[in-house]
Amino acid sequence: MSNTLIVIVGMPGSGKTFAGSVLKKRFNALVLETGDIIREEIKKRGWKYTPETDKKIRNWFHPGREHLIVERLVKKLKKSRKRTKVIVGFRCLKEIKLLKKLYKEKIIVIAIISSFKIRAHREIRRKRFGKSESLEYLSKRDTNEKRIGLAALIKHADFKINNSKLSKKQMETRLVKLVNSKIIQI
């Protein structure tokens, strides 16, 4: 079995982080999140992590500086000896193209799909940013994510899992079955 890099993409609240945690647990995978790179940059600048600083840095990386996220992630990937590696949270096709240029292993892109209504409910329940996560905020964030290129990235993913009506156990089963079938073929 060769080394495998799985990239999990999807709109906010779709279940990307859960998918990453499943792969970490079930495949002993290294899981890297683009959000970690965002938080590292915020900390590097001496800022407090808030919805505003998150948005500011996320938008600073896009468009034109996507290579910085990819380069930072590739450094971390290359340091790891794990056979299965996962990146959670790319936002555009340009990041995948750069990753394929810098990282020579087989890459599988899996999109996690979920309706806005389900995702908004998850995000509000999560309370990541407290009271500032309203439906209006989440709708504007979706529009921004699509503008950056997330919709096109999801469209071009190698595989898609619709997580709108799945229980966590069903999502885990579907994801593990998909990854098992693809790792064996690689």
N, C-alpha and C. Protein backbone atom coordinates (compact mmCIF):
# COMPACT_ATOMS: atom_id res chain seq x y z
N MET A 1 0.86 -1.18 0.00
CA MET A 1 0.00 0.00 0.00
C MET A 1 0.90 1.24 0.00
N SER A 2 0.65 2.14 -0.90
CA SER A 2 1.45 3.36 -0.97
C SER A 2 0.89 4.42 -0.02
N ASN A 3 1.64 5.49 0.13
CA ASN A 3 1.16 6.61 0.94
C ASN A 3 -0.05 7.23 0.27
N THR A 4 -0.95 7.71 1.08
CA THR A 4 -2.19 8.28 0.58
C THR A 4 -2.40 9.66 1.20
N LEU A 5 -2.76 10.62 0.38
CA LEU A 5 -3.15 11.94 0.87
C LEU A 5 -4.61 12.16 0.48
N ILE A 6 -5.43 12.37 1.48
CA ILE A 6 -6.85 12.62 1.27
C ILE A 6 -7.12 14.07 1.61
N VAL A 7 -7.75 14.78 0.70
CA VAL A 7 -8.13 16.17 0.94
C VAL A 7 -9.65 16.20 1.11
N ILE A 8 -10.08 16.68 2.27
CA ILE A 8 -11.51 16.78 2.57
C ILE A 8 -11.93 18.23 2.35
N VAL A 9 -12.94 18.43 1.51
CA VAL A 9 -13.44 19.77 1.23
C VAL A 9 -14.95 19.81 1.45
N GLY A 10 -15.46 21.01 1.64
CA GLY A 10 -16.90 21.19 1.82
C GLY A 10 -17.17 22.56 2.39
N MET A 11 -18.42 22.95 2.31
CA MET A 11 -18.84 24.23 2.86
C MET A 11 -18.73 24.17 4.39
N PRO A 12 -18.64 25.33 5.06
CA PRO A 12 -18.58 25.34 6.52
C PRO A 12 -19.78 24.60 7.13
N GLY A 13 -19.48 23.73 8.10
CA GLY A 13 -20.54 22.99 8.78
C GLY A 13 -20.98 21.73 8.09
N SER A 14 -20.30 21.35 7.01
CA SER A 14 -20.72 20.17 6.25
C SER A 14 -20.33 18.86 6.91
N GLY A 15 -19.30 18.88 7.75
CA GLY A 15 -18.83 17.67 8.41
C GLY A 15 -17.38 17.34 8.09
N LYS A 16 -16.63 18.32 7.60
CA LYS A 16 -15.23 18.09 7.24
C LYS A 16 -14.38 17.69 8.45
N THR A 17 -14.53 18.42 9.54
CA THR A 17 -13.73 18.16 10.74
C THR A 17 -14.05 16.77 11.29
N PHE A 18 -15.34 16.42 11.30
CA PHE A 18 -15.73 15.09 11.74
C PHE A 18 -15.09 14.03 10.84
N ALA A 19 -15.12 14.25 9.53
CA ALA A 19 -14.50 13.30 8.60
C ALA A 19 -13.01 13.15 8.91
N GLY A 20 -12.34 14.25 9.16
CA GLY A 20 -10.92 14.20 9.52
C GLY A 20 -10.68 13.40 10.78
N SER A 21 -11.54 13.58 11.79
CA SER A 21 -11.38 12.85 13.05
C SER A 21 -11.61 11.35 12.85
N VAL A 22 -12.55 11.00 11.98
CA VAL A 22 -12.79 9.58 11.66
C VAL A 22 -11.55 8.97 11.02
N LEU A 23 -10.96 9.68 10.06
CA LEU A 23 -9.79 9.15 9.36
C LEU A 23 -8.59 9.05 10.30
N LYS A 24 -8.48 9.99 11.21
CA LYS A 24 -7.39 9.93 12.21
C LYS A 24 -7.56 8.69 13.08
N LYS A 25 -8.76 8.46 13.53
CA LYS A 25 -9.04 7.33 14.42
C LYS A 25 -8.94 6.00 13.69
N ARG A 26 -9.57 5.89 12.53
CA ARG A 26 -9.68 4.60 11.85
C ARG A 26 -8.43 4.21 11.03
N PHE A 27 -7.67 5.21 10.58
CA PHE A 27 -6.50 4.92 9.74
C PHE A 27 -5.19 5.42 10.34
N ASN A 28 -5.25 5.88 11.60
CA ASN A 28 -4.06 6.45 12.25
C ASN A 28 -3.43 7.53 11.35
N ALA A 29 -4.28 8.34 10.77
CA ALA A 29 -3.85 9.34 9.80
C ALA A 29 -3.34 10.61 10.49
N LEU A 30 -2.42 11.26 9.83
CA LEU A 30 -2.04 12.62 10.18
C LEU A 30 -3.14 13.51 9.61
N VAL A 31 -3.73 14.36 10.44
CA VAL A 31 -4.78 15.27 9.96
C VAL A 31 -4.32 16.70 10.16
N LEU A 32 -4.26 17.43 9.06
CA LEU A 32 -3.90 18.85 9.07
C LEU A 32 -5.10 19.64 8.58
N GLU A 33 -5.38 20.74 9.25
CA GLU A 33 -6.51 21.58 8.85
C GLU A 33 -5.99 22.94 8.40
N THR A 34 -6.57 23.43 7.30
CA THR A 34 -6.17 24.77 6.85
C THR A 34 -6.49 25.80 7.92
N GLY A 35 -7.52 25.54 8.71
CA GLY A 35 -7.86 26.44 9.82
C GLY A 35 -6.73 26.57 10.82
N ASP A 36 -5.92 25.50 10.99
CA ASP A 36 -4.76 25.58 11.88
C ASP A 36 -3.74 26.58 11.34
N ILE A 37 -3.57 26.60 10.02
CA ILE A 37 -2.64 27.56 9.39
C ILE A 37 -3.16 28.98 9.60
N ILE A 38 -4.48 29.16 9.48
CA ILE A 38 -5.10 30.47 9.71
C ILE A 38 -4.84 30.91 11.15
N ARG A 39 -5.12 30.01 12.11
CA ARG A 39 -4.93 30.35 13.52
C ARG A 39 -3.47 30.61 13.85
N GLU A 40 -2.54 29.87 13.22
CA GLU A 40 -1.11 30.12 13.42
C GLU A 40 -0.74 31.52 12.93
N GLU A 41 -1.29 31.93 11.80
CA GLU A 41 -1.00 33.27 11.25
C GLU A 41 -1.58 34.36 12.15
N ILE A 42 -2.79 34.14 12.67
CA ILE A 42 -3.39 35.11 13.58
C ILE A 42 -2.52 35.26 14.82
N LYS A 43 -2.08 34.13 15.38
CA LYS A 43 -1.23 34.15 16.58
C LYS A 43 0.11 34.83 16.29
N LYS A 44 0.68 34.52 15.12
CA LYS A 44 1.96 35.10 14.71
C LYS A 44 1.88 36.64 14.68
N ARG A 45 0.71 37.14 14.32
CA ARG A 45 0.51 38.59 14.26
C ARG A 45 0.14 39.19 15.61
N GLY A 46 -0.03 38.32 16.62
CA GLY A 46 -0.35 38.81 17.95
C GLY A 46 -1.81 39.21 18.13
N TRP A 47 -2.68 38.68 17.28
CA TRP A 47 -4.10 39.02 17.33
C TRP A 47 -4.87 37.99 18.13
N LYS A 48 -6.04 38.38 18.60
CA LYS A 48 -6.96 37.47 19.26
C LYS A 48 -7.78 36.78 18.16
N TYR A 49 -8.10 35.51 18.39
CA TYR A 49 -8.90 34.77 17.41
C TYR A 49 -10.37 35.16 17.57
N THR A 50 -10.92 35.79 16.55
CA THR A 50 -12.33 36.22 16.51
C THR A 50 -12.86 35.94 15.10
N PRO A 51 -14.17 36.05 14.90
CA PRO A 51 -14.70 35.89 13.53
C PRO A 51 -14.05 36.90 12.56
N GLU A 52 -13.79 38.09 13.06
CA GLU A 52 -13.22 39.13 12.19
C GLU A 52 -11.78 38.81 11.81
N THR A 53 -10.95 38.39 12.80
CA THR A 53 -9.56 38.08 12.48
C THR A 53 -9.47 36.81 11.63
N ASP A 54 -10.35 35.84 11.89
CA ASP A 54 -10.40 34.63 11.08
C ASP A 54 -10.70 35.00 9.62
N LYS A 55 -11.74 35.80 9.43
CA LYS A 55 -12.13 36.21 8.07
C LYS A 55 -11.01 37.02 7.40
N LYS A 56 -10.42 37.93 8.16
CA LYS A 56 -9.38 38.78 7.60
C LYS A 56 -8.19 37.95 7.10
N ILE A 57 -7.75 37.00 7.92
CA ILE A 57 -6.60 36.18 7.51
C ILE A 57 -6.99 35.19 6.42
N ARG A 58 -8.17 34.58 6.52
CA ARG A 58 -8.62 33.68 5.45
C ARG A 58 -8.64 34.42 4.11
N ASN A 59 -9.16 35.63 4.13
CA ASN A 59 -9.23 36.43 2.90
C ASN A 59 -7.86 36.94 2.48
N TRP A 60 -6.94 37.13 3.43
CA TRP A 60 -5.57 37.54 3.11
C TRP A 60 -4.88 36.44 2.30
N PHE A 61 -5.17 35.20 2.64
CA PHE A 61 -4.57 34.08 1.90
C PHE A 61 -5.18 33.92 0.51
N HIS A 62 -6.39 34.45 0.29
CA HIS A 62 -7.11 34.26 -0.98
C HIS A 62 -7.54 35.61 -1.52
N PRO A 63 -7.52 35.89 -2.76
CA PRO A 63 -6.76 35.17 -3.78
C PRO A 63 -5.33 35.69 -3.86
N GLY A 64 -4.45 34.87 -4.36
CA GLY A 64 -3.08 35.28 -4.62
C GLY A 64 -2.05 34.72 -3.66
N ARG A 65 -2.47 34.35 -2.45
CA ARG A 65 -1.49 33.82 -1.49
C ARG A 65 -1.82 32.37 -1.10
N GLU A 66 -2.62 31.70 -1.91
CA GLU A 66 -2.98 30.31 -1.62
C GLU A 66 -1.74 29.45 -1.46
N HIS A 67 -0.70 29.79 -2.21
CA HIS A 67 0.52 29.00 -2.16
C HIS A 67 1.12 28.96 -0.76
N LEU A 68 0.90 30.00 0.04
CA LEU A 68 1.44 30.02 1.40
C LEU A 68 0.80 28.94 2.26
N ILE A 69 -0.50 28.76 2.16
CA ILE A 69 -1.18 27.70 2.91
C ILE A 69 -0.66 26.35 2.44
N VAL A 70 -0.61 26.14 1.15
CA VAL A 70 -0.19 24.86 0.59
C VAL A 70 1.26 24.56 0.99
N GLU A 71 2.14 25.54 0.86
CA GLU A 71 3.55 25.32 1.21
C GLU A 71 3.71 24.97 2.68
N ARG A 72 2.97 25.64 3.55
CA ARG A 72 3.06 25.35 4.99
C ARG A 72 2.53 23.95 5.29
N LEU A 73 1.47 23.55 4.63
CA LEU A 73 0.92 22.21 4.83
C LEU A 73 1.87 21.13 4.29
N VAL A 74 2.44 21.36 3.12
CA VAL A 74 3.34 20.37 2.53
C VAL A 74 4.56 20.15 3.42
N LYS A 75 5.09 21.20 4.04
CA LYS A 75 6.21 21.03 4.98
C LYS A 75 5.82 20.07 6.09
N LYS A 76 4.62 20.23 6.62
CA LYS A 76 4.15 19.36 7.70
C LYS A 76 3.91 17.94 7.19
N LEU A 77 3.38 17.80 5.98
CA LEU A 77 3.16 16.48 5.40
C LEU A 77 4.47 15.72 5.25
N LYS A 78 5.48 16.40 4.74
CA LYS A 78 6.76 15.76 4.46
C LYS A 78 7.49 15.33 5.73
N LYS A 79 7.20 15.97 6.85
CA LYS A 79 7.83 15.60 8.12
C LYS A 79 7.22 14.32 8.70
N SER A 80 6.01 13.99 8.29
CA SER A 80 5.30 12.86 8.87
C SER A 80 5.67 11.55 8.20
N ARG A 81 5.75 10.49 9.00
CA ARG A 81 6.02 9.16 8.49
C ARG A 81 4.73 8.34 8.33
N LYS A 82 3.61 8.94 8.65
CA LYS A 82 2.33 8.22 8.56
C LYS A 82 2.01 7.94 7.09
N ARG A 83 1.41 6.78 6.85
CA ARG A 83 1.07 6.38 5.48
C ARG A 83 -0.16 7.11 4.97
N THR A 84 -1.10 7.38 5.87
CA THR A 84 -2.31 8.08 5.47
C THR A 84 -2.26 9.49 6.05
N LYS A 85 -2.45 10.45 5.17
CA LYS A 85 -2.41 11.86 5.57
C LYS A 85 -3.67 12.52 5.06
N VAL A 86 -4.15 13.49 5.83
CA VAL A 86 -5.41 14.16 5.49
C VAL A 86 -5.22 15.67 5.62
N ILE A 87 -5.73 16.39 4.64
CA ILE A 87 -5.83 17.85 4.74
C ILE A 87 -7.31 18.18 4.72
N VAL A 88 -7.74 18.98 5.67
CA VAL A 88 -9.14 19.38 5.77
C VAL A 88 -9.24 20.88 5.50
N GLY A 89 -10.08 21.24 4.51
CA GLY A 89 -10.46 22.64 4.40
C GLY A 89 -9.93 23.46 3.25
N PHE A 90 -9.41 22.85 2.19
CA PHE A 90 -9.04 23.68 1.04
C PHE A 90 -10.27 24.41 0.52
N ARG A 91 -10.03 25.55 -0.14
CA ARG A 91 -11.14 26.41 -0.55
C ARG A 91 -11.22 26.66 -2.05
N CYS A 92 -10.20 26.23 -2.81
CA CYS A 92 -10.26 26.49 -4.26
C CYS A 92 -9.40 25.48 -5.02
N LEU A 93 -9.69 25.37 -6.31
CA LEU A 93 -8.95 24.44 -7.18
C LEU A 93 -7.47 24.78 -7.26
N LYS A 94 -7.15 26.05 -7.16
CA LYS A 94 -5.75 26.47 -7.24
C LYS A 94 -4.92 25.79 -6.15
N GLU A 95 -5.50 25.63 -4.95
CA GLU A 95 -4.77 24.97 -3.87
C GLU A 95 -4.48 23.50 -4.22
N ILE A 96 -5.44 22.82 -4.82
CA ILE A 96 -5.24 21.43 -5.21
C ILE A 96 -4.15 21.34 -6.28
N LYS A 97 -4.19 22.23 -7.26
CA LYS A 97 -3.17 22.23 -8.31
C LYS A 97 -1.77 22.45 -7.74
N LEU A 98 -1.66 23.40 -6.81
CA LEU A 98 -0.37 23.65 -6.16
C LEU A 98 0.08 22.45 -5.34
N LEU A 99 -0.85 21.83 -4.64
CA LEU A 99 -0.54 20.65 -3.84
C LEU A 99 0.00 19.53 -4.73
N LYS A 100 -0.65 19.29 -5.86
CA LYS A 100 -0.21 18.24 -6.78
C LYS A 100 1.18 18.53 -7.34
N LYS A 101 1.51 19.79 -7.48
CA LYS A 101 2.83 20.18 -7.98
C LYS A 101 3.92 19.96 -6.92
N LEU A 102 3.59 20.23 -5.65
CA LEU A 102 4.58 20.17 -4.57
C LEU A 102 4.64 18.82 -3.86
N TYR A 103 3.57 18.06 -3.92
CA TYR A 103 3.48 16.80 -3.17
C TYR A 103 3.23 15.69 -4.17
N LYS A 104 4.16 14.78 -4.31
CA LYS A 104 4.15 13.82 -5.42
C LYS A 104 3.39 12.52 -5.15
N GLU A 105 2.76 12.39 -4.00
CA GLU A 105 1.97 11.18 -3.72
C GLU A 105 0.59 11.28 -4.37
N LYS A 106 -0.12 10.15 -4.41
CA LYS A 106 -1.49 10.12 -4.93
C LYS A 106 -2.39 10.94 -4.01
N ILE A 107 -3.23 11.77 -4.60
CA ILE A 107 -4.14 12.64 -3.85
C ILE A 107 -5.58 12.30 -4.23
N ILE A 108 -6.41 12.11 -3.20
CA ILE A 108 -7.83 11.87 -3.39
C ILE A 108 -8.57 13.04 -2.76
N VAL A 109 -9.49 13.66 -3.51
CA VAL A 109 -10.29 14.77 -2.98
C VAL A 109 -11.71 14.26 -2.73
N ILE A 110 -12.15 14.39 -1.47
CA ILE A 110 -13.49 13.98 -1.08
C ILE A 110 -14.25 15.22 -0.62
N ALA A 111 -15.39 15.47 -1.25
CA ALA A 111 -16.24 16.60 -0.86
C ALA A 111 -17.35 16.09 0.06
N ILE A 112 -17.54 16.78 1.17
CA ILE A 112 -18.64 16.49 2.08
C ILE A 112 -19.72 17.53 1.78
N ILE A 113 -20.90 17.06 1.40
CA ILE A 113 -21.99 17.92 0.97
C ILE A 113 -23.07 17.92 2.05
N SER A 114 -23.64 19.10 2.28
CA SER A 114 -24.75 19.22 3.22
C SER A 114 -25.53 20.49 2.87
N SER A 115 -26.83 20.46 3.10
CA SER A 115 -27.66 21.62 2.78
C SER A 115 -27.33 22.80 3.71
N PHE A 116 -27.65 24.00 3.24
CA PHE A 116 -27.41 25.19 4.06
C PHE A 116 -28.15 25.10 5.39
N LYS A 117 -29.38 24.64 5.34
CA LYS A 117 -30.19 24.56 6.56
C LYS A 117 -29.52 23.66 7.61
N ILE A 118 -29.07 22.51 7.21
CA ILE A 118 -28.40 21.57 8.12
C ILE A 118 -27.09 22.17 8.61
N ARG A 119 -26.31 22.73 7.70
CA ARG A 119 -25.01 23.30 8.07
C ARG A 119 -25.18 24.47 9.04
N ALA A 120 -26.16 25.34 8.76
CA ALA A 120 -26.40 26.49 9.63
C ALA A 120 -26.78 26.02 11.03
N HIS A 121 -27.62 25.02 11.10
CA HIS A 121 -28.01 24.47 12.41
C HIS A 121 -26.78 23.96 13.16
N ARG A 122 -25.92 23.24 12.47
CA ARG A 122 -24.69 22.71 13.09
C ARG A 122 -23.79 23.85 13.57
N GLU A 123 -23.61 24.85 12.72
CA GLU A 123 -22.72 25.96 13.06
C GLU A 123 -23.24 26.76 14.26
N ILE A 124 -24.53 27.03 14.27
CA ILE A 124 -25.10 27.79 15.38
C ILE A 124 -25.01 26.98 16.67
N ARG A 125 -25.27 25.68 16.58
CA ARG A 125 -25.17 24.80 17.75
C ARG A 125 -23.73 24.71 18.25
N ARG A 126 -22.77 24.76 17.35
CA ARG A 126 -21.35 24.66 17.71
C ARG A 126 -20.87 25.87 18.51
N LYS A 127 -21.43 27.03 18.23
CA LYS A 127 -21.10 28.28 18.93
C LYS A 127 -19.60 28.60 18.91
N ARG A 128 -19.01 28.39 17.77
CA ARG A 128 -17.58 28.65 17.63
C ARG A 128 -17.24 30.11 17.89
N PHE A 129 -18.10 31.00 17.40
CA PHE A 129 -17.86 32.43 17.57
C PHE A 129 -18.88 33.09 18.49
N GLY A 130 -19.63 32.30 19.23
CA GLY A 130 -20.61 32.88 20.14
C GLY A 130 -21.83 33.39 19.39
N LYS A 131 -22.32 34.54 19.81
CA LYS A 131 -23.57 35.08 19.27
C LYS A 131 -23.44 35.66 17.87
N SER A 132 -22.24 35.84 17.38
CA SER A 132 -22.07 36.49 16.08
C SER A 132 -22.42 35.58 14.90
N GLU A 133 -22.68 34.31 15.16
CA GLU A 133 -23.04 33.41 14.07
C GLU A 133 -24.56 33.38 13.88
N SER A 134 -25.03 34.28 13.08
CA SER A 134 -26.45 34.34 12.74
C SER A 134 -26.63 33.72 11.36
N LEU A 135 -27.87 33.50 10.97
CA LEU A 135 -28.13 32.99 9.62
C LEU A 135 -27.61 33.95 8.57
N GLU A 136 -27.74 35.23 8.83
CA GLU A 136 -27.25 36.24 7.89
C GLU A 136 -25.73 36.13 7.75
N TYR A 137 -25.03 36.03 8.88
CA TYR A 137 -23.57 35.88 8.86
C TYR A 137 -23.17 34.62 8.08
N LEU A 138 -23.84 33.50 8.37
CA LEU A 138 -23.51 32.23 7.72
C LEU A 138 -23.80 32.28 6.22
N SER A 139 -24.87 32.94 5.84
CA SER A 139 -25.22 33.08 4.42
C SER A 139 -24.16 33.91 3.69
N LYS A 140 -23.74 35.01 4.31
CA LYS A 140 -22.69 35.85 3.70
C LYS A 140 -21.38 35.08 3.60
N ARG A 141 -21.07 34.29 4.63
CA ARG A 141 -19.84 33.51 4.61
C ARG A 141 -19.89 32.48 3.47
N ASP A 142 -21.05 31.84 3.28
CA ASP A 142 -21.20 30.89 2.17
C ASP A 142 -20.97 31.58 0.83
N THR A 143 -21.54 32.76 0.66
CA THR A 143 -21.37 33.52 -0.58
C THR A 143 -19.90 33.81 -0.83
N ASN A 144 -19.19 34.20 0.22
CA ASN A 144 -17.76 34.49 0.11
C ASN A 144 -16.98 33.22 -0.24
N GLU A 145 -17.30 32.12 0.41
CA GLU A 145 -16.60 30.85 0.13
C GLU A 145 -16.80 30.44 -1.33
N LYS A 146 -18.02 30.59 -1.83
CA LYS A 146 -18.30 30.25 -3.22
C LYS A 146 -17.55 31.17 -4.17
N ARG A 147 -17.48 32.46 -3.83
CA ARG A 147 -16.77 33.43 -4.66
C ARG A 147 -15.28 33.08 -4.76
N ILE A 148 -14.71 32.64 -3.67
CA ILE A 148 -13.29 32.28 -3.66
C ILE A 148 -13.02 31.06 -4.53
N GLY A 149 -14.00 30.16 -4.63
CA GLY A 149 -13.83 28.99 -5.49
C GLY A 149 -14.19 27.67 -4.85
N LEU A 150 -14.78 27.70 -3.67
CA LEU A 150 -15.12 26.45 -2.99
C LEU A 150 -16.16 25.64 -3.75
N ALA A 151 -17.14 26.29 -4.36
CA ALA A 151 -18.17 25.57 -5.12
C ALA A 151 -17.54 24.80 -6.28
N ALA A 152 -16.60 25.43 -6.98
CA ALA A 152 -15.92 24.76 -8.10
C ALA A 152 -15.07 23.59 -7.59
N LEU A 153 -14.42 23.77 -6.46
CA LEU A 153 -13.60 22.71 -5.89
C LEU A 153 -14.48 21.51 -5.52
N ILE A 154 -15.61 21.76 -4.89
CA ILE A 154 -16.53 20.69 -4.53
C ILE A 154 -17.01 19.96 -5.79
N LYS A 155 -17.35 20.74 -6.80
CA LYS A 155 -17.84 20.16 -8.06
C LYS A 155 -16.81 19.21 -8.68
N HIS A 156 -15.53 19.55 -8.56
CA HIS A 156 -14.48 18.77 -9.20
C HIS A 156 -13.85 17.71 -8.28
N ALA A 157 -14.41 17.51 -7.10
CA ALA A 157 -13.87 16.50 -6.18
C ALA A 157 -13.95 15.12 -6.82
N ASP A 158 -13.05 14.24 -6.42
CA ASP A 158 -13.05 12.87 -6.95
C ASP A 158 -14.27 12.09 -6.47
N PHE A 159 -14.68 12.36 -5.22
CA PHE A 159 -15.81 11.66 -4.62
C PHE A 159 -16.61 12.64 -3.77
N LYS A 160 -17.90 12.37 -3.64
CA LYS A 160 -18.78 13.21 -2.83
C LYS A 160 -19.58 12.34 -1.87
N ILE A 161 -19.73 12.83 -0.64
CA ILE A 161 -20.59 12.17 0.34
C ILE A 161 -21.61 13.20 0.79
N ASN A 162 -22.89 12.90 0.57
CA ASN A 162 -23.95 13.80 1.02
C ASN A 162 -24.23 13.50 2.49
N ASN A 163 -23.89 14.45 3.34
CA ASN A 163 -23.99 14.30 4.78
C ASN A 163 -25.22 15.00 5.35
N SER A 164 -26.17 15.37 4.52
CA SER A 164 -27.34 16.11 5.01
C SER A 164 -28.21 15.29 5.95
N LYS A 165 -28.37 14.01 5.66
CA LYS A 165 -29.31 13.20 6.44
C LYS A 165 -28.64 12.01 7.11
N LEU A 166 -27.32 12.00 7.18
CA LEU A 166 -26.61 10.87 7.77
C LEU A 166 -26.39 11.09 9.27
N SER A 167 -26.51 10.01 10.03
CA SER A 167 -26.08 10.06 11.43
C SER A 167 -24.55 10.04 11.42
N LYS A 168 -23.95 10.33 12.54
CA LYS A 168 -22.48 10.29 12.61
C LYS A 168 -21.98 8.89 12.29
N LYS A 169 -22.65 7.88 12.78
CA LYS A 169 -22.24 6.50 12.52
C LYS A 169 -22.35 6.17 11.03
N GLN A 170 -23.44 6.61 10.39
CA GLN A 170 -23.61 6.37 8.95
C GLN A 170 -22.53 7.09 8.15
N MET A 171 -22.23 8.32 8.55
CA MET A 171 -21.18 9.10 7.87
C MET A 171 -19.85 8.38 8.01
N GLU A 172 -19.55 7.93 9.21
CA GLU A 172 -18.29 7.22 9.45
C GLU A 172 -18.20 5.96 8.58
N THR A 173 -19.26 5.19 8.56
CA THR A 173 -19.29 3.95 7.77
C THR A 173 -19.06 4.23 6.29
N ARG A 174 -19.77 5.23 5.77
CA ARG A 174 -19.65 5.57 4.34
C ARG A 174 -18.24 6.04 4.01
N LEU A 175 -17.67 6.89 4.85
CA LEU A 175 -16.33 7.43 4.62
C LEU A 175 -15.28 6.33 4.69
N VAL A 176 -15.35 5.49 5.70
CA VAL A 176 -14.36 4.41 5.86
C VAL A 176 -14.44 3.44 4.69
N LYS A 177 -15.64 3.10 4.27
CA LYS A 177 -15.80 2.20 3.12
C LYS A 177 -15.18 2.81 1.87
N LEU A 178 -15.44 4.09 1.63
CA LEU A 178 -14.88 4.78 0.46
C LEU A 178 -13.35 4.79 0.53
N VAL A 179 -12.80 5.20 1.65
CA VAL A 179 -11.35 5.30 1.77
C VAL A 179 -10.70 3.93 1.69
N ASN A 180 -11.28 2.93 2.33
CA ASN A 180 -10.72 1.57 2.22
C ASN A 180 -10.64 1.12 0.77
N SER A 181 -11.69 1.38 0.00
CA SER A 181 -11.70 0.94 -1.40
C SER A 181 -10.66 1.69 -2.22
N LYS A 182 -10.40 2.94 -1.89
CA LYS A 182 -9.45 3.74 -2.67
C LYS A 182 -8.00 3.48 -2.24
N ILE A 183 -7.76 3.23 -0.97
CA ILE A 183 -6.39 2.96 -0.50
C ILE A 183 -5.89 1.65 -1.11
N ILE A 184 -6.72 0.66 -1.15
CA ILE A 184 -6.33 -0.64 -1.69
C ILE A 184 -5.99 -0.52 -3.17
N GLN A 185 -6.67 0.34 -3.89
CA GLN A 185 -6.44 0.50 -5.33
C GLN A 185 -5.20 1.34 -5.64
N ILE A 186 -4.75 2.09 -4.68
CA ILE A 186 -3.64 3.03 -4.95
C ILE A 186 -2.32 2.30 -5.08
